[in-house]
Amino acid sequence: MNVHRRSLRIVSMAVVVCLPLLGMSGAASAKARASGCHKTHTCKNGGGSPTGSGTGADPAPITVQIDPNPLVETGQSVIGAVVQVETSPSFAGDFVNIESSQLQAACDGAIFFYSLATGSLNGVADDIQVALDDDGNATVEMTGTNCAPGSSVIDASLTVAPYYTALTTLVASPPVVTTPGVYGYPTTSGTVTTGEVETGDSASSGDSDVIAMFYIETSAVYAEQPVEISSPQLASRCGDDDSYFGGEFVPTGGGVSSATSTLDDDGNAVIVFDGVSCAAGTSEVTADVEAGTHPTYTTTFNIVAPEPTI
């Protein structure tokens, strides 16, 4: 296990717990930036059709998807989501910049992005640049603390010509108690509705990477009690030493096949799984509340082999 990378991630957040509303993920159609436009929020979107398209009605070949969306803040007013950028395989190897000045402002001036491909954590400059794989896809983790509820636009833009940009809106809601269970995200990747499409096939884009967020929801009577999530099947499906339950989202400990966290005042917690060099297929995931009558919840998480997703 890469101890240096792991310590960077765990130190970045001490306690993070959040809860999703079980809604559909958000995806947005893209617009093309004006040719030669510098990549900033003040840059104007170009009008008309994208470069190389036949008519003004043709969309630019890029989308950005957030899961879960909407979500509910809990704990220290935390948000957490998986961001998937999906575009044409013709842009393989190009870099995409992901950012949100609105979310940064809502989250006390700092949000964090994490990419398994680069091992980079960025909570200062409000953005991250990651390489698209051979199918034109990239996936990152996005988190923030001390966040005000509301809507924030997320921007994903190619850093080279034709500077295509995709926008979508993340909706973060105040705390609410929901139906008990354990839920894995993302469940879709663009047009692929059977699970998360793994990304990466090079040193710069990753190696069949998976970022999954598991939301555990139980009764508020178990507030501040420990909860364990485990999946030997998922751990064995991802064979690299850097595959891991935990990251920023586990204040009390994580591991290769299981992790423990603390439920918030609404009885909710979220734990991330980072998978590297993963095989496609379905894995059973179990969450066990380690208190009271020990309620146990199960779900399945499906990994789809790399493929174009728009």
C-alpha atoms as a PDB file:
ATOM      1  CA  MET A   1       0.000   0.000   0.000  1.00  0.00           C
ATOM      2  CA  ASN A   2       1.278   3.453  -0.836  1.00  0.00           C
ATOM      3  CA  VAL A   3       1.560   4.930   2.668  1.00  0.00           C
ATOM      4  CA  HIS A   4       2.478   8.426   1.508  1.00  0.00           C
ATOM      5  CA  ARG A   5      -0.564   8.755  -0.739  1.00  0.00           C
ATOM      6  CA  ARG A   6      -2.834   7.283   1.889  1.00  0.00           C
ATOM      7  CA  SER A   7      -1.621   9.627   4.626  1.00  0.00           C
ATOM      8  CA  LEU A   8      -2.165  12.643   2.395  1.00  0.00           C
ATOM      9  CA  ARG A   9      -5.786  11.680   1.893  1.00  0.00           C
ATOM     10  CA  ILE A  10      -6.593  10.785   5.503  1.00  0.00           C
ATOM     11  CA  VAL A  11      -5.043  13.975   6.908  1.00  0.00           C
ATOM     12  CA  SER A  12      -7.021  16.154   4.501  1.00  0.00           C
ATOM     13  CA  MET A  13     -10.262  15.645   6.470  1.00  0.00           C
ATOM     14  CA  ALA A  14     -10.684  14.469  10.028  1.00  0.00           C
ATOM     15  CA  VAL A  15     -14.388  13.685  10.114  1.00  0.00           C
ATOM     16  CA  VAL A  16     -16.652  13.545   7.124  1.00  0.00           C
ATOM     17  CA  VAL A  17     -20.185  12.188   7.094  1.00  0.00           C
ATOM     18  CA  CYS A  18     -22.919  12.958   4.619  1.00  0.00           C
ATOM     19  CA  LEU A  19     -26.211  11.601   3.323  1.00  0.00           C
ATOM     20  CA  PRO A  20     -27.715  11.590  -0.159  1.00  0.00           C
ATOM     21  CA  LEU A  21     -31.254  12.114  -1.291  1.00  0.00           C
ATOM     22  CA  LEU A  22     -31.816   9.182  -3.588  1.00  0.00           C
ATOM     23  CA  GLY A  23     -32.182  11.042  -6.838  1.00  0.00           C
ATOM     24  CA  MET A  24     -30.942  10.721 -10.354  1.00  0.00           C
ATOM     25  CA  SER A  25     -27.444  11.854 -11.196  1.00  0.00           C
ATOM     26  CA  GLY A  26     -26.998  15.177 -12.966  1.00  0.00           C
ATOM     27  CA  ALA A  27     -25.556  15.443 -16.434  1.00  0.00           C
ATOM     28  CA  ALA A  28     -25.376  18.471 -18.668  1.00  0.00           C
ATOM     29  CA  SER A  29     -24.872  19.054 -22.349  1.00  0.00           C
ATOM     30  CA  ALA A  30     -21.797  20.956 -23.401  1.00  0.00           C
ATOM     31  CA  LYS A  31     -20.927  24.211 -25.076  1.00  0.00           C
ATOM     32  CA  ALA A  32     -17.757  25.048 -26.979  1.00  0.00           C
ATOM     33  CA  ARG A  33     -15.438  27.751 -25.674  1.00  0.00           C
ATOM     34  CA  ALA A  34     -14.281  30.405 -28.058  1.00  0.00           C
ATOM     35  CA  SER A  35     -11.101  29.326 -29.849  1.00  0.00           C
ATOM     36  CA  GLY A  36      -7.954  30.241 -27.946  1.00  0.00           C
ATOM     37  CA  CYS A  37      -9.923  31.276 -24.863  1.00  0.00           C
ATOM     38  CA  HIS A  38      -8.007  31.033 -21.604  1.00  0.00           C
ATOM     39  CA  LYS A  39      -9.435  28.564 -19.106  1.00  0.00           C
ATOM     40  CA  THR A  40     -11.017  30.772 -16.417  1.00  0.00           C
ATOM     41  CA  HIS A  41     -14.489  31.428 -15.087  1.00  0.00           C
ATOM     42  CA  THR A  42     -14.513  34.830 -16.847  1.00  0.00           C
ATOM     43  CA  CYS A  43     -14.012  33.196 -20.220  1.00  0.00           C
ATOM     44  CA  LYS A  44     -17.053  33.480 -22.518  1.00  0.00           C
ATOM     45  CA  ASN A  45     -18.657  30.425 -24.057  1.00  0.00           C
ATOM     46  CA  GLY A  46     -18.469  30.454 -27.818  1.00  0.00           C
ATOM     47  CA  GLY A  47     -21.712  30.520 -29.767  1.00  0.00           C
ATOM     48  CA  GLY A  48     -22.830  28.391 -32.701  1.00  0.00           C
ATOM     49  CA  SER A  49     -21.914  24.792 -33.398  1.00  0.00           C
ATOM     50  CA  PRO A  50     -18.844  22.994 -32.039  1.00  0.00           C
ATOM     51  CA  THR A  51     -15.746  22.718 -34.186  1.00  0.00           C
ATOM     52  CA  GLY A  52     -16.243  19.994 -36.755  1.00  0.00           C
ATOM     53  CA  SER A  53     -19.985  19.566 -36.194  1.00  0.00           C
ATOM     54  CA  GLY A  54     -22.493  19.725 -38.997  1.00  0.00           C
ATOM     55  CA  THR A  55     -25.144  22.093 -37.631  1.00  0.00           C
ATOM     56  CA  GLY A  56     -25.738  24.482 -34.747  1.00  0.00           C
ATOM     57  CA  ALA A  57     -28.024  21.865 -33.175  1.00  0.00           C
ATOM     58  CA  ASP A  58     -25.226  19.321 -32.727  1.00  0.00           C
ATOM     59  CA  PRO A  59     -23.969  19.172 -29.120  1.00  0.00           C
ATOM     60  CA  ALA A  60     -20.312  19.283 -28.235  1.00  0.00           C
ATOM     61  CA  PRO A  61     -19.129  15.773 -27.338  1.00  0.00           C
ATOM     62  CA  ILE A  62     -18.655  16.206 -23.580  1.00  0.00           C
ATOM     63  CA  THR A  63     -20.783  15.784 -20.435  1.00  0.00           C
ATOM     64  CA  VAL A  64     -20.164  15.975 -16.702  1.00  0.00           C
ATOM     65  CA  GLN A  65     -22.124  13.786 -14.267  1.00  0.00           C
ATOM     66  CA  ILE A  66     -22.301  13.984 -10.441  1.00  0.00           C
ATOM     67  CA  ASP A  67     -23.394  11.152  -8.121  1.00  0.00           C
ATOM     68  CA  PRO A  68     -25.260  11.343  -5.846  1.00  0.00           C
ATOM     69  CA  ASN A  69     -27.186  14.418  -6.904  1.00  0.00           C
ATOM     70  CA  PRO A  70     -28.993  15.852  -5.040  1.00  0.00           C
ATOM     71  CA  LEU A  71     -27.274  15.051  -1.756  1.00  0.00           C
ATOM     72  CA  VAL A  72     -27.880  15.972   1.864  1.00  0.00           C
ATOM     73  CA  GLU A  73     -25.266  17.604   4.080  1.00  0.00           C
ATOM     74  CA  THR A  74     -24.590  16.077   7.484  1.00  0.00           C
ATOM     75  CA  GLY A  75     -21.868  16.110  10.079  1.00  0.00           C
ATOM     76  CA  GLN A  76     -19.710  19.216   9.632  1.00  0.00           C
ATOM     77  CA  SER A  77     -21.935  20.456   6.761  1.00  0.00           C
ATOM     78  CA  VAL A  78     -20.142  18.120   4.372  1.00  0.00           C
ATOM     79  CA  ILE A  79     -20.746  17.377   0.714  1.00  0.00           C
ATOM     80  CA  GLY A  80     -19.215  14.414  -1.122  1.00  0.00           C
ATOM     81  CA  ALA A  81     -19.729  13.213  -4.692  1.00  0.00           C
ATOM     82  CA  VAL A  82     -18.166  11.342  -7.584  1.00  0.00           C
ATOM     83  CA  VAL A  83     -17.621  13.464 -10.718  1.00  0.00           C
ATOM     84  CA  GLN A  84     -17.474  11.675 -14.083  1.00  0.00           C
ATOM     85  CA  VAL A  85     -16.388  13.502 -17.237  1.00  0.00           C
ATOM     86  CA  GLU A  86     -17.373  11.740 -20.452  1.00  0.00           C
ATOM     87  CA  THR A  87     -16.393  12.793 -23.944  1.00  0.00           C
ATOM     88  CA  SER A  88     -15.300  11.445 -27.312  1.00  0.00           C
ATOM     89  CA  PRO A  89     -12.490   8.873 -27.588  1.00  0.00           C
ATOM     90  CA  SER A  90     -10.936  11.283 -30.080  1.00  0.00           C
ATOM     91  CA  PHE A  91      -9.809  13.367 -27.079  1.00  0.00           C
ATOM     92  CA  ALA A  92      -7.947  10.465 -25.422  1.00  0.00           C
ATOM     93  CA  GLY A  93      -4.874  11.722 -23.555  1.00  0.00           C
ATOM     94  CA  ASP A  94      -6.062  15.327 -23.475  1.00  0.00           C
ATOM     95  CA  PHE A  95      -6.551  16.970 -20.088  1.00  0.00           C
ATOM     96  CA  VAL A  96      -9.814  18.189 -18.623  1.00  0.00           C
ATOM     97  CA  ASN A  97     -10.077  20.814 -15.891  1.00  0.00           C
ATOM     98  CA  ILE A  98     -12.803  20.326 -13.251  1.00  0.00           C
ATOM     99  CA  GLU A  99     -13.763  23.210 -10.990  1.00  0.00           C
ATOM    100  CA  SER A 100     -16.567  25.067  -9.217  1.00  0.00           C
ATOM    101  CA  SER A 101     -16.055  28.577  -7.872  1.00  0.00           C
ATOM    102  CA  GLN A 102     -19.663  28.521  -6.614  1.00  0.00           C
ATOM    103  CA  LEU A 103     -19.127  25.371  -4.552  1.00  0.00           C
ATOM    104  CA  GLN A 104     -15.817  26.691  -3.250  1.00  0.00           C
ATOM    105  CA  ALA A 105     -17.600  29.840  -2.035  1.00  0.00           C
ATOM    106  CA  ALA A 106     -20.366  27.751  -0.453  1.00  0.00           C
ATOM    107  CA  CYS A 107     -17.859  25.522   1.364  1.00  0.00           C
ATOM    108  CA  ASP A 108     -15.995  28.105   3.402  1.00  0.00           C
ATOM    109  CA  GLY A 109     -13.538  28.768   0.584  1.00  0.00           C
ATOM    110  CA  ALA A 110     -12.170  25.243   0.087  1.00  0.00           C
ATOM    111  CA  ILE A 111     -13.182  22.116  -1.816  1.00  0.00           C
ATOM    112  CA  PHE A 112     -11.126  18.998  -2.457  1.00  0.00           C
ATOM    113  CA  PHE A 113     -10.683  16.960  -5.614  1.00  0.00           C
ATOM    114  CA  TYR A 114      -8.936  13.597  -5.694  1.00  0.00           C
ATOM    115  CA  SER A 115      -7.816  11.522  -8.671  1.00  0.00           C
ATOM    116  CA  LEU A 116      -6.527   7.963  -8.393  1.00  0.00           C
ATOM    117  CA  ALA A 117      -4.557   8.498 -11.598  1.00  0.00           C
ATOM    118  CA  THR A 118      -2.453  11.338 -10.199  1.00  0.00           C
ATOM    119  CA  GLY A 119      -2.736  10.767  -6.454  1.00  0.00           C
ATOM    120  CA  SER A 120      -3.260  14.526  -6.236  1.00  0.00           C
ATOM    121  CA  LEU A 121      -5.395  16.349  -3.701  1.00  0.00           C
ATOM    122  CA  ASN A 122      -6.380  19.957  -4.434  1.00  0.00           C
ATOM    123  CA  GLY A 123      -8.355  22.011  -1.944  1.00  0.00           C
ATOM    124  CA  VAL A 124      -6.846  25.415  -2.579  1.00  0.00           C
ATOM    125  CA  ALA A 125      -7.028  26.352  -6.256  1.00  0.00           C
ATOM    126  CA  ASP A 126     -10.594  25.035  -6.645  1.00  0.00           C
ATOM    127  CA  ASP A 127      -9.754  22.765  -9.562  1.00  0.00           C
ATOM    128  CA  ILE A 128      -8.008  19.623 -10.759  1.00  0.00           C
ATOM    129  CA  GLN A 129      -6.680  18.613 -14.160  1.00  0.00           C
ATOM    130  CA  VAL A 130      -6.864  14.949 -15.149  1.00  0.00           C
ATOM    131  CA  ALA A 131      -6.130  13.053 -18.358  1.00  0.00           C
ATOM    132  CA  LEU A 132      -8.909  11.437 -20.375  1.00  0.00           C
ATOM    133  CA  ASP A 133      -8.475   7.704 -20.992  1.00  0.00           C
ATOM    134  CA  ASP A 134      -8.704   5.949 -24.362  1.00  0.00           C
ATOM    135  CA  ASP A 135     -12.521   6.013 -24.168  1.00  0.00           C
ATOM    136  CA  GLY A 136     -12.593   9.752 -23.431  1.00  0.00           C
ATOM    137  CA  ASN A 137     -13.513   9.343 -19.736  1.00  0.00           C
ATOM    138  CA  ALA A 138     -12.176  10.555 -16.373  1.00  0.00           C
ATOM    139  CA  THR A 139     -13.440  10.190 -12.788  1.00  0.00           C
ATOM    140  CA  VAL A 140     -12.577  12.173  -9.646  1.00  0.00           C
ATOM    141  CA  GLU A 141     -13.782  12.474  -6.063  1.00  0.00           C
ATOM    142  CA  MET A 142     -15.096  15.868  -4.875  1.00  0.00           C
ATOM    143  CA  THR A 143     -15.643  16.892  -1.248  1.00  0.00           C
ATOM    144  CA  GLY A 144     -16.164  20.001   0.840  1.00  0.00           C
ATOM    145  CA  THR A 145     -16.766  20.908   4.473  1.00  0.00           C
ATOM    146  CA  ASN A 146     -18.652  23.740   6.177  1.00  0.00           C
ATOM    147  CA  CYS A 147     -20.837  24.022   3.075  1.00  0.00           C
ATOM    148  CA  ALA A 148     -23.974  26.142   2.844  1.00  0.00           C
ATOM    149  CA  PRO A 149     -26.914  24.262   1.268  1.00  0.00           C
ATOM    150  CA  GLY A 150     -27.963  25.277  -2.224  1.00  0.00           C
ATOM    151  CA  SER A 151     -27.078  24.830  -5.894  1.00  0.00           C
ATOM    152  CA  SER A 152     -23.569  25.068  -7.359  1.00  0.00           C
ATOM    153  CA  VAL A 153     -22.491  24.847 -10.995  1.00  0.00           C
ATOM    154  CA  ILE A 154     -19.709  22.341 -11.734  1.00  0.00           C
ATOM    155  CA  ASP A 155     -17.534  23.037 -14.795  1.00  0.00           C
ATOM    156  CA  ALA A 156     -15.522  20.479 -16.795  1.00  0.00           C
ATOM    157  CA  SER A 157     -13.471  21.871 -19.692  1.00  0.00           C
ATOM    158  CA  LEU A 158     -10.870  20.586 -22.105  1.00  0.00           C
ATOM    159  CA  THR A 159      -7.619  22.470 -21.523  1.00  0.00           C
ATOM    160  CA  VAL A 160      -6.706  22.415 -25.231  1.00  0.00           C
ATOM    161  CA  ALA A 161      -8.540  23.359 -28.430  1.00  0.00           C
ATOM    162  CA  PRO A 162     -11.452  23.153 -29.087  1.00  0.00           C
ATOM    163  CA  TYR A 163     -11.902  23.926 -25.340  1.00  0.00           C
ATOM    164  CA  TYR A 164     -15.243  22.147 -25.015  1.00  0.00           C
ATOM    165  CA  THR A 165     -17.018  22.785 -21.703  1.00  0.00           C
ATOM    166  CA  ALA A 166     -19.729  20.848 -19.886  1.00  0.00           C
ATOM    167  CA  LEU A 167     -21.745  22.289 -17.003  1.00  0.00           C
ATOM    168  CA  THR A 168     -24.015  20.662 -14.459  1.00  0.00           C
ATOM    169  CA  THR A 169     -25.530  21.713 -11.135  1.00  0.00           C
ATOM    170  CA  LEU A 170     -24.970  20.005  -7.806  1.00  0.00           C
ATOM    171  CA  VAL A 171     -27.836  20.437  -5.326  1.00  0.00           C
ATOM    172  CA  ALA A 172     -26.888  20.183  -1.640  1.00  0.00           C
ATOM    173  CA  SER A 173     -29.771  20.098   0.842  1.00  0.00           C
ATOM    174  CA  PRO A 174     -29.974  20.532   4.630  1.00  0.00           C
ATOM    175  CA  PRO A 175     -29.961  17.380   6.789  1.00  0.00           C
ATOM    176  CA  VAL A 176     -32.871  14.958   6.654  1.00  0.00           C
ATOM    177  CA  VAL A 177     -33.466  11.410   7.916  1.00  0.00           C
ATOM    178  CA  THR A 178     -34.178   8.919   5.132  1.00  0.00           C
ATOM    179  CA  THR A 179     -34.927   5.230   4.656  1.00  0.00           C
ATOM    180  CA  PRO A 180     -32.359   2.924   6.307  1.00  0.00           C
ATOM    181  CA  GLY A 181     -30.006   1.054   4.003  1.00  0.00           C
ATOM    182  CA  VAL A 182     -26.609   1.179   2.309  1.00  0.00           C
ATOM    183  CA  TYR A 183     -26.363   2.701  -1.169  1.00  0.00           C
ATOM    184  CA  GLY A 184     -23.453   2.736  -3.611  1.00  0.00           C
ATOM    185  CA  TYR A 185     -22.699   5.517  -6.123  1.00  0.00           C
ATOM    186  CA  PRO A 186     -22.307   6.007  -9.012  1.00  0.00           C
ATOM    187  CA  THR A 187     -24.833   3.612 -10.499  1.00  0.00           C
ATOM    188  CA  THR A 188     -24.474   4.948 -14.035  1.00  0.00           C
ATOM    189  CA  SER A 189     -21.831   6.411 -16.344  1.00  0.00           C
ATOM    190  CA  GLY A 190     -23.369   8.504 -19.103  1.00  0.00           C
ATOM    191  CA  THR A 191     -25.405   6.222 -21.362  1.00  0.00           C
ATOM    192  CA  VAL A 192     -24.277   3.137 -19.398  1.00  0.00           C
ATOM    193  CA  THR A 193     -27.006   2.476 -16.814  1.00  0.00           C
ATOM    194  CA  THR A 194     -25.770  -0.837 -15.386  1.00  0.00           C
ATOM    195  CA  GLY A 195     -23.034   0.514 -13.105  1.00  0.00           C
ATOM    196  CA  GLU A 196     -19.868   2.582 -12.937  1.00  0.00           C
ATOM    197  CA  VAL A 197     -17.569   2.378 -15.960  1.00  0.00           C
ATOM    198  CA  GLU A 198     -13.984   2.090 -14.744  1.00  0.00           C
ATOM    199  CA  THR A 199     -11.512   4.562 -16.211  1.00  0.00           C
ATOM    200  CA  GLY A 200      -7.840   4.663 -17.069  1.00  0.00           C
ATOM    201  CA  ASP A 201      -5.483   2.724 -19.310  1.00  0.00           C
ATOM    202  CA  SER A 202      -2.229   4.672 -19.069  1.00  0.00           C
ATOM    203  CA  ALA A 203       0.129   6.158 -16.496  1.00  0.00           C
ATOM    204  CA  SER A 204      -1.537   9.559 -16.841  1.00  0.00           C
ATOM    205  CA  SER A 205      -5.191   8.414 -16.890  1.00  0.00           C
ATOM    206  CA  GLY A 206      -5.011   5.594 -14.322  1.00  0.00           C
ATOM    207  CA  ASP A 207      -5.357   1.823 -14.435  1.00  0.00           C
ATOM    208  CA  SER A 208      -8.960   0.557 -14.547  1.00  0.00           C
ATOM    209  CA  ASP A 209      -9.800   2.870 -11.630  1.00  0.00           C
ATOM    210  CA  VAL A 210     -13.034   2.953  -9.638  1.00  0.00           C
ATOM    211  CA  ILE A 211     -14.159   5.592  -7.132  1.00  0.00           C
ATOM    212  CA  ALA A 212     -17.298   4.552  -5.255  1.00  0.00           C
ATOM    213  CA  MET A 213     -19.140   6.266  -2.399  1.00  0.00           C
ATOM    214  CA  PHE A 214     -21.224   4.157  -0.046  1.00  0.00           C
ATOM    215  CA  TYR A 215     -23.885   5.978   1.960  1.00  0.00           C
ATOM    216  CA  ILE A 216     -25.022   4.255   5.140  1.00  0.00           C
ATOM    217  CA  GLU A 217     -28.398   5.346   6.525  1.00  0.00           C
ATOM    218  CA  THR A 218     -29.913   4.027   9.721  1.00  0.00           C
ATOM    219  CA  SER A 219     -32.016   5.177  12.690  1.00  0.00           C
ATOM    220  CA  ALA A 220     -31.011   8.374  14.474  1.00  0.00           C
ATOM    221  CA  VAL A 221     -30.991   6.397  17.750  1.00  0.00           C
ATOM    222  CA  TYR A 222     -27.550   5.159  16.645  1.00  0.00           C
ATOM    223  CA  ALA A 223     -26.098   8.682  16.419  1.00  0.00           C
ATOM    224  CA  GLU A 224     -22.365   8.797  17.190  1.00  0.00           C
ATOM    225  CA  GLN A 225     -22.121   4.983  17.117  1.00  0.00           C
ATOM    226  CA  PRO A 226     -19.586   3.098  14.943  1.00  0.00           C
ATOM    227  CA  VAL A 227     -20.575   1.492  11.664  1.00  0.00           C
ATOM    228  CA  GLU A 228     -18.477  -0.917   9.595  1.00  0.00           C
ATOM    229  CA  ILE A 229     -18.661  -1.374   5.848  1.00  0.00           C
ATOM    230  CA  SER A 230     -17.086  -4.409   4.231  1.00  0.00           C
ATOM    231  CA  SER A 231     -16.807  -6.147   0.878  1.00  0.00           C
ATOM    232  CA  PRO A 232     -14.196  -8.876   0.427  1.00  0.00           C
ATOM    233  CA  GLN A 233     -15.616  -9.380  -3.076  1.00  0.00           C
ATOM    234  CA  LEU A 234     -14.954  -5.765  -4.072  1.00  0.00           C
ATOM    235  CA  ALA A 235     -11.504  -5.816  -2.496  1.00  0.00           C
ATOM    236  CA  SER A 236     -10.538  -9.000  -4.326  1.00  0.00           C
ATOM    237  CA  ARG A 237     -11.909  -7.611  -7.594  1.00  0.00           C
ATOM    238  CA  CYS A 238      -9.429  -4.719  -7.398  1.00  0.00           C
ATOM    239  CA  GLY A 239      -5.946  -6.154  -7.062  1.00  0.00           C
ATOM    240  CA  ASP A 240      -3.640  -3.168  -6.745  1.00  0.00           C
ATOM    241  CA  ASP A 241      -2.063  -2.390  -3.360  1.00  0.00           C
ATOM    242  CA  ASP A 242      -3.616   1.095  -3.444  1.00  0.00           C
ATOM    243  CA  SER A 243      -7.225  -0.219  -3.471  1.00  0.00           C
ATOM    244  CA  TYR A 244      -8.757   0.878  -0.199  1.00  0.00           C
ATOM    245  CA  PHE A 245     -11.936   1.586   1.779  1.00  0.00           C
ATOM    246  CA  GLY A 246     -11.488   4.933   3.464  1.00  0.00           C
ATOM    247  CA  GLY A 247      -9.621   7.998   2.293  1.00  0.00           C
ATOM    248  CA  GLU A 248     -10.895  11.296   3.652  1.00  0.00           C
ATOM    249  CA  PHE A 249     -14.190   9.790   4.727  1.00  0.00           C
ATOM    250  CA  VAL A 250     -13.065   7.496   7.545  1.00  0.00           C
ATOM    251  CA  PRO A 251     -12.162   9.204  10.849  1.00  0.00           C
ATOM    252  CA  THR A 252     -11.521   5.970  12.759  1.00  0.00           C
ATOM    253  CA  GLY A 253      -9.852   3.636  10.291  1.00  0.00           C
ATOM    254  CA  GLY A 254      -9.926   2.085   6.835  1.00  0.00           C
ATOM    255  CA  GLY A 255      -8.579  -0.947   5.069  1.00  0.00           C
ATOM    256  CA  VAL A 256      -8.468  -3.020   1.921  1.00  0.00           C
ATOM    257  CA  SER A 257     -11.700  -4.975   2.477  1.00  0.00           C
ATOM    258  CA  SER A 258     -13.463  -3.001   5.249  1.00  0.00           C
ATOM    259  CA  ALA A 259     -13.570   0.300   7.105  1.00  0.00           C
ATOM    260  CA  THR A 260     -15.197   1.817  10.174  1.00  0.00           C
ATOM    261  CA  SER A 261     -16.758   5.260  10.523  1.00  0.00           C
ATOM    262  CA  THR A 262     -18.996   7.110  12.983  1.00  0.00           C
ATOM    263  CA  LEU A 263     -22.675   7.801  12.353  1.00  0.00           C
ATOM    264  CA  ASP A 264     -23.736  11.435  12.565  1.00  0.00           C
ATOM    265  CA  ASP A 265     -26.667  12.838  14.553  1.00  0.00           C
ATOM    266  CA  ASP A 266     -29.118  11.651  11.874  1.00  0.00           C
ATOM    267  CA  GLY A 267     -27.674   8.126  11.854  1.00  0.00           C
ATOM    268  CA  ASN A 268     -25.795   8.557   8.583  1.00  0.00           C
ATOM    269  CA  ALA A 269     -22.249   8.070   7.292  1.00  0.00           C
ATOM    270  CA  VAL A 270     -20.412   7.837   3.983  1.00  0.00           C
ATOM    271  CA  ILE A 271     -17.324   5.786   3.167  1.00  0.00           C
ATOM    272  CA  VAL A 272     -15.356   5.866  -0.072  1.00  0.00           C
ATOM    273  CA  PHE A 273     -13.823   2.927  -1.894  1.00  0.00           C
ATOM    274  CA  ASP A 274     -10.819   3.618  -4.143  1.00  0.00           C
ATOM    275  CA  GLY A 275     -10.198   0.741  -6.527  1.00  0.00           C
ATOM    276  CA  VAL A 276      -7.190   0.354  -8.818  1.00  0.00           C
ATOM    277  CA  SER A 277      -6.764  -2.323 -11.499  1.00  0.00           C
ATOM    278  CA  CYS A 278     -10.318  -3.583 -11.019  1.00  0.00           C
ATOM    279  CA  ALA A 279     -12.075  -6.424 -12.811  1.00  0.00           C
ATOM    280  CA  ALA A 280     -15.604  -5.841 -14.096  1.00  0.00           C
ATOM    281  CA  GLY A 281     -18.500  -7.468 -12.259  1.00  0.00           C
ATOM    282  CA  THR A 282     -20.884  -7.237  -9.301  1.00  0.00           C
ATOM    283  CA  SER A 283     -19.825  -7.255  -5.626  1.00  0.00           C
ATOM    284  CA  GLU A 284     -21.910  -7.506  -2.459  1.00  0.00           C
ATOM    285  CA  VAL A 285     -21.324  -4.728   0.086  1.00  0.00           C
ATOM    286  CA  THR A 286     -22.426  -4.988   3.740  1.00  0.00           C
ATOM    287  CA  ALA A 287     -22.857  -2.261   6.377  1.00  0.00           C
ATOM    288  CA  ASP A 288     -23.141  -3.276  10.043  1.00  0.00           C
ATOM    289  CA  VAL A 289     -24.043  -0.867  12.856  1.00  0.00           C
ATOM    290  CA  GLU A 290     -21.861  -1.889  15.792  1.00  0.00           C
ATOM    291  CA  ALA A 291     -24.354  -0.997  18.526  1.00  0.00           C
ATOM    292  CA  GLY A 292     -27.815  -1.894  19.808  1.00  0.00           C
ATOM    293  CA  THR A 293     -29.423  -4.646  17.771  1.00  0.00           C
ATOM    294  CA  HIS A 294     -26.653  -4.399  15.158  1.00  0.00           C
ATOM    295  CA  PRO A 295     -28.832  -3.624  12.119  1.00  0.00           C
ATOM    296  CA  THR A 296     -27.149  -4.855   8.945  1.00  0.00           C
ATOM    297  CA  TYR A 297     -27.731  -3.631   5.394  1.00  0.00           C
ATOM    298  CA  THR A 298     -26.515  -4.984   2.053  1.00  0.00           C
ATOM    299  CA  THR A 299     -26.298  -3.725  -1.502  1.00  0.00           C
ATOM    300  CA  THR A 300     -24.529  -4.674  -4.711  1.00  0.00           C
ATOM    301  CA  PHE A 301     -22.100  -2.499  -6.620  1.00  0.00           C
ATOM    302  CA  ASN A 302     -21.466  -3.170 -10.301  1.00  0.00           C
ATOM    303  CA  ILE A 303     -18.275  -2.299 -12.161  1.00  0.00           C
ATOM    304  CA  VAL A 304     -18.464  -2.066 -15.953  1.00  0.00           C
ATOM    305  CA  ALA A 305     -15.399  -2.583 -18.158  1.00  0.00           C
ATOM    306  CA  PRO A 306     -13.958   0.532 -19.857  1.00  0.00           C
ATOM    307  CA  GLU A 307     -16.001   1.752 -22.811  1.00  0.00           C
ATOM    308  CA  PRO A 308     -17.204   4.999 -24.429  1.00  0.00           C
ATOM    309  CA  THR A 309     -20.115   6.397 -22.411  1.00  0.00           C
ATOM    310  CA  ILE A 310     -21.702   9.082 -24.597  1.00  0.00           C
END
